[in-house]
Amino acid sequence: MALTENTSIDQIEIVGGWNIQIRQATVIERDGQFVSKTFHRWVLTPDMDISGQEQKVKDICNVAWTDEVKSAYETFKAEQAQRMTP
């Protein structure tokens, strides 16, 4: 009886204009037969370091995060910070 575990990024979405949401699937098989699948998600924003991400994630970030998108994100953050100060 052999158990195998395969992990791969199976979904990358642009959400809210600048958030990149990544879904990683982990599939467990026993002797080639499906046993289970679990998911792990995380979100990247234009101000984050993406150097540790898989190349396909970096490629999408680099295309999606244009200078215009980065500027809009910085404006959004500044507006949120103003709302938080009394």
PDB file of N, CA and C in Angstrom:
ATOM      1  N   MET A   1       0.852  -1.178   0.000  1.00  0.00           N
ATOM      2  CA  MET A   1       0.000   0.000   0.000  1.00  0.00           C
ATOM      3  C   MET A   1       0.897   1.240   0.000  1.00  0.00           C
ATOM      4  N   ALA A   2       0.787   2.039  -1.054  1.00  0.00           N
ATOM      5  CA  ALA A   2       1.602   3.245  -1.166  1.00  0.00           C
ATOM      6  C   ALA A   2       0.720   4.481  -1.143  1.00  0.00           C
ATOM      7  N   LEU A   3       1.063   5.392  -0.244  1.00  0.00           N
ATOM      8  CA  LEU A   3       0.372   6.680  -0.187  1.00  0.00           C
ATOM      9  C   LEU A   3       1.235   7.706  -0.896  1.00  0.00           C
ATOM     10  N   THR A   4       0.599   8.532  -1.715  1.00  0.00           N
ATOM     11  CA  THR A   4       1.305   9.627  -2.369  1.00  0.00           C
ATOM     12  C   THR A   4       0.579  10.930  -2.085  1.00  0.00           C
ATOM     13  N   GLU A   5       1.351  11.985  -2.024  1.00  0.00           N
ATOM     14  CA  GLU A   5       0.793  13.325  -1.795  1.00  0.00           C
ATOM     15  C   GLU A   5       1.346  14.253  -2.867  1.00  0.00           C
ATOM     16  N   ASN A   6       0.457  14.892  -3.603  1.00  0.00           N
ATOM     17  CA  ASN A   6       0.840  15.843  -4.639  1.00  0.00           C
ATOM     18  C   ASN A   6       0.258  17.201  -4.305  1.00  0.00           C
ATOM     19  N   THR A   7       1.106  18.210  -4.320  1.00  0.00           N
ATOM     20  CA  THR A   7       0.682  19.571  -4.027  1.00  0.00           C
ATOM     21  C   THR A   7       0.933  20.435  -5.254  1.00  0.00           C
ATOM     22  N   SER A   8      -0.089  21.221  -5.622  1.00  0.00           N
ATOM     23  CA  SER A   8       0.064  22.112  -6.763  1.00  0.00           C
ATOM     24  C   SER A   8      -0.863  23.309  -6.624  1.00  0.00           C
ATOM     25  N   ILE A   9      -0.449  24.408  -7.224  1.00  0.00           N
ATOM     26  CA  ILE A   9      -1.319  25.582  -7.284  1.00  0.00           C
ATOM     27  C   ILE A   9      -2.292  25.338  -8.419  1.00  0.00           C
ATOM     28  N   ASP A  10      -3.570  25.277  -8.073  1.00  0.00           N
ATOM     29  CA  ASP A  10      -4.578  24.942  -9.091  1.00  0.00           C
ATOM     30  C   ASP A  10      -5.506  26.095  -9.430  1.00  0.00           C
ATOM     31  N   GLN A  11      -5.341  27.221  -8.736  1.00  0.00           N
ATOM     32  CA  GLN A  11      -6.204  28.362  -9.044  1.00  0.00           C
ATOM     33  C   GLN A  11      -5.514  29.658  -8.637  1.00  0.00           C
ATOM     34  N   ILE A  12      -5.549  30.632  -9.541  1.00  0.00           N
ATOM     35  CA  ILE A  12      -5.028  31.970  -9.259  1.00  0.00           C
ATOM     36  C   ILE A  12      -6.088  32.955  -9.744  1.00  0.00           C
ATOM     37  N   GLU A  13      -6.549  33.823  -8.826  1.00  0.00           N
ATOM     38  CA  GLU A  13      -7.617  34.763  -9.167  1.00  0.00           C
ATOM     39  C   GLU A  13      -7.205  36.185  -8.800  1.00  0.00           C
ATOM     40  N   ILE A  14      -7.652  37.133  -9.597  1.00  0.00           N
ATOM     41  CA  ILE A  14      -7.508  38.547  -9.250  1.00  0.00           C
ATOM     42  C   ILE A  14      -8.829  38.970  -8.630  1.00  0.00           C
ATOM     43  N   VAL A  15      -8.752  39.453  -7.390  1.00  0.00           N
ATOM     44  CA  VAL A  15      -9.953  39.794  -6.636  1.00  0.00           C
ATOM     45  C   VAL A  15      -9.850  41.241  -6.170  1.00  0.00           C
ATOM     46  N   GLY A  16     -10.895  42.004  -6.384  1.00  0.00           N
ATOM     47  CA  GLY A  16     -10.927  43.375  -5.883  1.00  0.00           C
ATOM     48  C   GLY A  16      -9.972  44.321  -6.587  1.00  0.00           C
ATOM     49  N   GLY A  17      -9.550  43.984  -7.779  1.00  0.00           N
ATOM     50  CA  GLY A  17      -8.712  44.886  -8.548  1.00  0.00           C
ATOM     51  C   GLY A  17      -7.221  44.686  -8.372  1.00  0.00           C
ATOM     52  N   TRP A  18      -6.765  44.316  -7.174  1.00  0.00           N
ATOM     53  CA  TRP A  18      -5.319  44.166  -6.959  1.00  0.00           C
ATOM     54  C   TRP A  18      -4.942  42.970  -6.120  1.00  0.00           C
ATOM     55  N   ASN A  19      -5.866  42.358  -5.421  1.00  0.00           N
ATOM     56  CA  ASN A  19      -5.554  41.168  -4.641  1.00  0.00           C
ATOM     57  C   ASN A  19      -5.406  39.966  -5.572  1.00  0.00           C
ATOM     58  N   ILE A  20      -4.339  39.211  -5.384  1.00  0.00           N
ATOM     59  CA  ILE A  20      -4.143  37.974  -6.127  1.00  0.00           C
ATOM     60  C   ILE A  20      -4.346  36.842  -5.119  1.00  0.00           C
ATOM     61  N   GLN A  21      -5.386  36.060  -5.331  1.00  0.00           N
ATOM     62  CA  GLN A  21      -5.713  34.954  -4.433  1.00  0.00           C
ATOM     63  C   GLN A  21      -5.224  33.655  -5.051  1.00  0.00           C
ATOM     64  N   ILE A  22      -4.457  32.902  -4.283  1.00  0.00           N
ATOM     65  CA  ILE A  22      -3.885  31.656  -4.768  1.00  0.00           C
ATOM     66  C   ILE A  22      -4.487  30.502  -3.981  1.00  0.00           C
ATOM     67  N   ARG A  23      -4.848  29.446  -4.726  1.00  0.00           N
ATOM     68  CA  ARG A  23      -5.330  28.228  -4.063  1.00  0.00           C
ATOM     69  C   ARG A  23      -4.370  27.095  -4.389  1.00  0.00           C
ATOM     70  N   GLN A  24      -3.910  26.438  -3.345  1.00  0.00           N
ATOM     71  CA  GLN A  24      -3.017  25.294  -3.488  1.00  0.00           C
ATOM     72  C   GLN A  24      -3.785  24.044  -3.082  1.00  0.00           C
ATOM     73  N   ALA A  25      -3.787  23.050  -3.946  1.00  0.00           N
ATOM     74  CA  ALA A  25      -4.482  21.789  -3.673  1.00  0.00           C
ATOM     75  C   ALA A  25      -3.470  20.722  -3.285  1.00  0.00           C
ATOM     76  N   THR A  26      -3.817  19.949  -2.277  1.00  0.00           N
ATOM     77  CA  THR A  26      -3.019  18.791  -1.888  1.00  0.00           C
ATOM     78  C   THR A  26      -3.898  17.560  -2.063  1.00  0.00           C
ATOM     79  N   VAL A  27      -3.447  16.647  -2.917  1.00  0.00           N
ATOM     80  CA  VAL A  27      -4.209  15.435  -3.228  1.00  0.00           C
ATOM     81  C   VAL A  27      -3.473  14.232  -2.643  1.00  0.00           C
ATOM     82  N   ILE A  28      -4.206  13.426  -1.894  1.00  0.00           N
ATOM     83  CA  ILE A  28      -3.679  12.189  -1.323  1.00  0.00           C
ATOM     84  C   ILE A  28      -4.270  11.018  -2.112  1.00  0.00           C
ATOM     85  N   GLU A  29      -3.393  10.100  -2.516  1.00  0.00           N
ATOM     86  CA  GLU A  29      -3.836   8.893  -3.219  1.00  0.00           C
ATOM     87  C   GLU A  29      -3.229   7.666  -2.548  1.00  0.00           C
ATOM     88  N   ARG A  30      -3.982   6.586  -2.570  1.00  0.00           N
ATOM     89  CA  ARG A  30      -3.505   5.298  -2.067  1.00  0.00           C
ATOM     90  C   ARG A  30      -3.515   4.330  -3.239  1.00  0.00           C
ATOM     91  N   ASP A  31      -2.356   3.864  -3.611  1.00  0.00           N
ATOM     92  CA  ASP A  31      -2.217   2.946  -4.747  1.00  0.00           C
ATOM     93  C   ASP A  31      -2.893   3.511  -5.996  1.00  0.00           C
ATOM     94  N   GLY A  32      -2.718   4.811  -6.222  1.00  0.00           N
ATOM     95  CA  GLY A  32      -3.271   5.445  -7.408  1.00  0.00           C
ATOM     96  C   GLY A  32      -4.742   5.807  -7.323  1.00  0.00           C
ATOM     97  N   GLN A  33      -5.370   5.501  -6.210  1.00  0.00           N
ATOM     98  CA  GLN A  33      -6.792   5.811  -6.027  1.00  0.00           C
ATOM     99  C   GLN A  33      -6.944   7.039  -5.129  1.00  0.00           C
ATOM    100  N   PHE A  34      -7.792   7.939  -5.552  1.00  0.00           N
ATOM    101  CA  PHE A  34      -8.051   9.175  -4.811  1.00  0.00           C
ATOM    102  C   PHE A  34      -8.522   8.869  -3.391  1.00  0.00           C
ATOM    103  N   VAL A  35      -7.915   9.559  -2.403  1.00  0.00           N
ATOM    104  CA  VAL A  35      -8.328   9.434  -1.004  1.00  0.00           C
ATOM    105  C   VAL A  35      -8.908  10.750  -0.514  1.00  0.00           C
ATOM    106  N   SER A  36      -8.176  11.845  -0.725  1.00  0.00           N
ATOM    107  CA  SER A  36      -8.682  13.134  -0.244  1.00  0.00           C
ATOM    108  C   SER A  36      -8.003  14.287  -0.971  1.00  0.00           C
ATOM    109  N   LYS A  37      -8.649  15.442  -0.856  1.00  0.00           N
ATOM    110  CA  LYS A  37      -8.107  16.679  -1.411  1.00  0.00           C
ATOM    111  C   LYS A  37      -8.375  17.786  -0.402  1.00  0.00           C
ATOM    112  N   THR A  38      -7.340  18.568  -0.111  1.00  0.00           N
ATOM    113  CA  THR A  38      -7.486  19.719   0.777  1.00  0.00           C
ATOM    114  C   THR A  38      -6.940  20.953   0.064  1.00  0.00           C
ATOM    115  N   PHE A  39      -7.361  22.105   0.550  1.00  0.00           N
ATOM    116  CA  PHE A  39      -6.957  23.354  -0.070  1.00  0.00           C
ATOM    117  C   PHE A  39      -6.354  24.297   0.962  1.00  0.00           C
ATOM    118  N   HIS A  40      -5.413  25.096   0.503  1.00  0.00           N
ATOM    119  CA  HIS A  40      -4.832  26.171   1.298  1.00  0.00           C
ATOM    120  C   HIS A  40      -4.857  27.406   0.405  1.00  0.00           C
ATOM    121  N   ARG A  41      -5.308  28.538   0.953  1.00  0.00           N
ATOM    122  CA  ARG A  41      -5.395  29.781   0.180  1.00  0.00           C
ATOM    123  C   ARG A  41      -4.590  30.874   0.853  1.00  0.00           C
ATOM    124  N   TRP A  42      -4.094  31.791   0.015  1.00  0.00           N
ATOM    125  CA  TRP A  42      -3.479  32.996   0.537  1.00  0.00           C
ATOM    126  C   TRP A  42      -3.662  34.108  -0.483  1.00  0.00           C
ATOM    127  N   VAL A  43      -3.497  35.331  -0.008  1.00  0.00           N
ATOM    128  CA  VAL A  43      -3.717  36.509  -0.851  1.00  0.00           C
ATOM    129  C   VAL A  43      -2.440  37.337  -0.879  1.00  0.00           C
ATOM    130  N   LEU A  44      -2.111  37.825  -2.070  1.00  0.00           N
ATOM    131  CA  LEU A  44      -0.967  38.714  -2.250  1.00  0.00           C
ATOM    132  C   LEU A  44      -1.486  40.087  -2.670  1.00  0.00           C
ATOM    133  N   THR A  45      -0.807  41.138  -2.202  1.00  0.00           N
ATOM    134  CA  THR A  45      -1.140  42.502  -2.589  1.00  0.00           C
ATOM    135  C   THR A  45       0.099  43.137  -3.225  1.00  0.00           C
ATOM    136  N   PRO A  46      -0.088  44.227  -3.981  1.00  0.00           N
ATOM    137  CA  PRO A  46       1.038  44.815  -4.724  1.00  0.00           C
ATOM    138  C   PRO A  46       2.229  45.253  -3.884  1.00  0.00           C
ATOM    139  N   ASP A  47       2.055  45.444  -2.588  1.00  0.00           N
ATOM    140  CA  ASP A  47       3.172  45.884  -1.751  1.00  0.00           C
ATOM    141  C   ASP A  47       3.930  44.719  -1.111  1.00  0.00           C
ATOM    142  N   MET A  48       3.583  43.492  -1.478  1.00  0.00           N
ATOM    143  CA  MET A  48       4.218  42.314  -0.878  1.00  0.00           C
ATOM    144  C   MET A  48       5.405  41.825  -1.715  1.00  0.00           C
ATOM    145  N   ASP A  49       6.347  41.170  -1.031  1.00  0.00           N
ATOM    146  CA  ASP A  49       7.487  40.528  -1.692  1.00  0.00           C
ATOM    147  C   ASP A  49       7.001  39.192  -2.247  1.00  0.00           C
ATOM    148  N   ILE A  50       7.081  39.017  -3.556  1.00  0.00           N
ATOM    149  CA  ILE A  50       6.602  37.790  -4.180  1.00  0.00           C
ATOM    150  C   ILE A  50       7.751  36.883  -4.624  1.00  0.00           C
ATOM    151  N   SER A  51       8.960  37.184  -4.192  1.00  0.00           N
ATOM    152  CA  SER A  51      10.134  36.430  -4.650  1.00  0.00           C
ATOM    153  C   SER A  51      10.062  34.945  -4.290  1.00  0.00           C
ATOM    154  N   GLY A  52       9.357  34.584  -3.240  1.00  0.00           N
ATOM    155  CA  GLY A  52       9.260  33.187  -2.828  1.00  0.00           C
ATOM    156  C   GLY A  52       8.115  32.419  -3.475  1.00  0.00           C
ATOM    157  N   GLN A  53       7.349  33.074  -4.329  1.00  0.00           N
ATOM    158  CA  GLN A  53       6.206  32.432  -4.983  1.00  0.00           C
ATOM    159  C   GLN A  53       6.666  31.639  -6.210  1.00  0.00           C
ATOM    160  N   GLU A  54       5.824  30.687  -6.616  1.00  0.00           N
ATOM    161  CA  GLU A  54       6.105  29.941  -7.844  1.00  0.00           C
ATOM    162  C   GLU A  54       6.116  30.902  -9.027  1.00  0.00           C
ATOM    163  N   GLN A  55       6.837  30.530 -10.076  1.00  0.00           N
ATOM    164  CA  GLN A  55       7.006  31.411 -11.230  1.00  0.00           C
ATOM    165  C   GLN A  55       5.674  31.800 -11.862  1.00  0.00           C
ATOM    166  N   LYS A  56       4.727  30.865 -11.952  1.00  0.00           N
ATOM    167  CA  LYS A  56       3.451  31.214 -12.591  1.00  0.00           C
ATOM    168  C   LYS A  56       2.688  32.259 -11.777  1.00  0.00           C
ATOM    169  N   VAL A  57       2.839  32.253 -10.462  1.00  0.00           N
ATOM    170  CA  VAL A  57       2.219  33.276  -9.620  1.00  0.00           C
ATOM    171  C   VAL A  57       2.905  34.617  -9.864  1.00  0.00           C
ATOM    172  N   LYS A  58       4.235  34.620  -9.886  1.00  0.00           N
ATOM    173  CA  LYS A  58       4.985  35.847 -10.152  1.00  0.00           C
ATOM    174  C   LYS A  58       4.607  36.439 -11.504  1.00  0.00           C
ATOM    175  N   ASP A  59       4.466  35.585 -12.514  1.00  0.00           N
ATOM    176  CA  ASP A  59       4.120  36.061 -13.851  1.00  0.00           C
ATOM    177  C   ASP A  59       2.770  36.773 -13.857  1.00  0.00           C
ATOM    178  N   ILE A  60       1.791  36.197 -13.180  1.00  0.00           N
ATOM    179  CA  ILE A  60       0.457  36.812 -13.130  1.00  0.00           C
ATOM    180  C   ILE A  60       0.510  38.126 -12.347  1.00  0.00           C
ATOM    181  N   CYS A  61       1.218  38.133 -11.225  1.00  0.00           N
ATOM    182  CA  CYS A  61       1.354  39.371 -10.445  1.00  0.00           C
ATOM    183  C   CYS A  61       1.989  40.472 -11.276  1.00  0.00           C
ATOM    184  N   ASN A  62       3.039  40.136 -11.995  1.00  0.00           N
ATOM    185  CA  ASN A  62       3.747  41.140 -12.789  1.00  0.00           C
ATOM    186  C   ASN A  62       2.899  41.696 -13.929  1.00  0.00           C
ATOM    187  N   VAL A  63       1.976  40.912 -14.450  1.00  0.00           N
ATOM    188  CA  VAL A  63       1.072  41.397 -15.496  1.00  0.00           C
ATOM    189  C   VAL A  63      -0.084  42.190 -14.880  1.00  0.00           C
ATOM    190  N   ALA A  64      -0.642  41.680 -13.780  1.00  0.00           N
ATOM    191  CA  ALA A  64      -1.827  42.302 -13.177  1.00  0.00           C
ATOM    192  C   ALA A  64      -1.510  43.605 -12.444  1.00  0.00           C
ATOM    193  N   TRP A  65      -0.352  43.676 -11.830  1.00  0.00           N
ATOM    194  CA  TRP A  65      -0.008  44.846 -11.027  1.00  0.00           C
ATOM    195  C   TRP A  65       0.690  45.910 -11.877  1.00  0.00           C
ATOM    196  N   THR A  66      -0.081  46.527 -12.718  1.00  0.00           N
ATOM    197  CA  THR A  66       0.434  47.633 -13.533  1.00  0.00           C
ATOM    198  C   THR A  66       0.715  48.827 -12.619  1.00  0.00           C
ATOM    199  N   ASP A  67       1.383  49.836 -13.153  1.00  0.00           N
ATOM    200  CA  ASP A  67       1.633  51.049 -12.363  1.00  0.00           C
ATOM    201  C   ASP A  67       0.314  51.682 -11.923  1.00  0.00           C
ATOM    202  N   GLU A  68      -0.689  51.621 -12.777  1.00  0.00           N
ATOM    203  CA  GLU A  68      -2.010  52.171 -12.436  1.00  0.00           C
ATOM    204  C   GLU A  68      -2.644  51.410 -11.266  1.00  0.00           C
ATOM    205  N   VAL A  69      -2.545  50.105 -11.292  1.00  0.00           N
ATOM    206  CA  VAL A  69      -3.108  49.285 -10.214  1.00  0.00           C
ATOM    207  C   VAL A  69      -2.342  49.538  -8.919  1.00  0.00           C
ATOM    208  N   LYS A  70      -1.032  49.607  -8.990  1.00  0.00           N
ATOM    209  CA  LYS A  70      -0.228  49.877  -7.792  1.00  0.00           C
ATOM    210  C   LYS A  70      -0.576  51.236  -7.195  1.00  0.00           C
ATOM    211  N   SER A  71      -0.777  52.228  -8.043  1.00  0.00           N
ATOM    212  CA  SER A  71      -1.150  53.562  -7.577  1.00  0.00           C
ATOM    213  C   SER A  71      -2.519  53.547  -6.905  1.00  0.00           C
ATOM    214  N   ALA A  72      -3.473  52.854  -7.509  1.00  0.00           N
ATOM    215  CA  ALA A  72      -4.817  52.741  -6.917  1.00  0.00           C
ATOM    216  C   ALA A  72      -4.757  52.048  -5.565  1.00  0.00           C
ATOM    217  N   TYR A  73      -3.910  51.035  -5.448  1.00  0.00           N
ATOM    218  CA  TYR A  73      -3.766  50.318  -4.182  1.00  0.00           C
ATOM    219  C   TYR A  73      -3.171  51.239  -3.109  1.00  0.00           C
ATOM    220  N   GLU A  74      -2.149  52.002  -3.469  1.00  0.00           N
ATOM    221  CA  GLU A  74      -1.549  52.936  -2.510  1.00  0.00           C
ATOM    222  C   GLU A  74      -2.549  54.000  -2.074  1.00  0.00           C
ATOM    223  N   THR A  75      -3.363  54.493  -2.998  1.00  0.00           N
ATOM    224  CA  THR A  75      -4.411  55.460  -2.658  1.00  0.00           C
ATOM    225  C   THR A  75      -5.411  54.835  -1.698  1.00  0.00           C
ATOM    226  N   PHE A  76      -5.813  53.601  -1.971  1.00  0.00           N
ATOM    227  CA  PHE A  76      -6.740  52.879  -1.095  1.00  0.00           C
ATOM    228  C   PHE A  76      -6.154  52.751   0.313  1.00  0.00           C
ATOM    229  N   LYS A  77      -4.885  52.350   0.414  1.00  0.00           N
ATOM    230  CA  LYS A  77      -4.254  52.200   1.730  1.00  0.00           C
ATOM    231  C   LYS A  77      -4.210  53.524   2.476  1.00  0.00           C
ATOM    232  N   ALA A  78      -3.899  54.615   1.773  1.00  0.00           N
ATOM    233  CA  ALA A  78      -3.839  55.935   2.408  1.00  0.00           C
ATOM    234  C   ALA A  78      -5.212  56.354   2.919  1.00  0.00           C
ATOM    235  N   GLU A  79      -6.247  56.090   2.121  1.00  0.00           N
ATOM    236  CA  GLU A  79      -7.611  56.424   2.548  1.00  0.00           C
ATOM    237  C   GLU A  79      -8.020  55.600   3.767  1.00  0.00           C
ATOM    238  N   GLN A  80      -7.645  54.342   3.789  1.00  0.00           N
ATOM    239  CA  GLN A  80      -7.963  53.488   4.939  1.00  0.00           C
ATOM    240  C   GLN A  80      -7.234  53.976   6.188  1.00  0.00           C
ATOM    241  N   ALA A  81      -5.991  54.400   6.040  1.00  0.00           N
ATOM    242  CA  ALA A  81      -5.228  54.903   7.179  1.00  0.00           C
ATOM    243  C   ALA A  81      -5.854  56.176   7.724  1.00  0.00           C
ATOM    244  N   GLN A  82      -6.358  57.043   6.842  1.00  0.00           N
ATOM    245  CA  GLN A  82      -7.006  58.285   7.289  1.00  0.00           C
ATOM    246  C   GLN A  82      -8.277  57.966   8.081  1.00  0.00           C
ATOM    247  N   ARG A  83      -9.021  56.970   7.657  1.00  0.00           N
ATOM    248  CA  ARG A  83     -10.253  56.596   8.348  1.00  0.00           C
ATOM    249  C   ARG A  83      -9.980  56.021   9.722  1.00  0.00           C
ATOM    250  N   MET A  84      -8.797  55.434   9.892  1.00  0.00           N
ATOM    251  CA  MET A  84      -8.451  54.796  11.165  1.00  0.00           C
ATOM    252  C   MET A  84      -7.937  55.795  12.200  1.00  0.00           C
ATOM    253  N   THR A  85      -7.475  56.969  11.763  1.00  0.00           N
ATOM    254  CA  THR A  85      -6.972  57.949  12.708  1.00  0.00           C
ATOM    255  C   THR A  85      -8.118  58.825  13.206  1.00  0.00           C
ATOM    256  N   PRO A  86      -8.127  59.090  14.500  1.00  0.00           N
ATOM    257  CA  PRO A  86      -9.230  59.894  15.081  1.00  0.00           C
ATOM    258  C   PRO A  86      -9.161  61.354  14.719  1.00  0.00           C
TER     259      PRO A  86
END
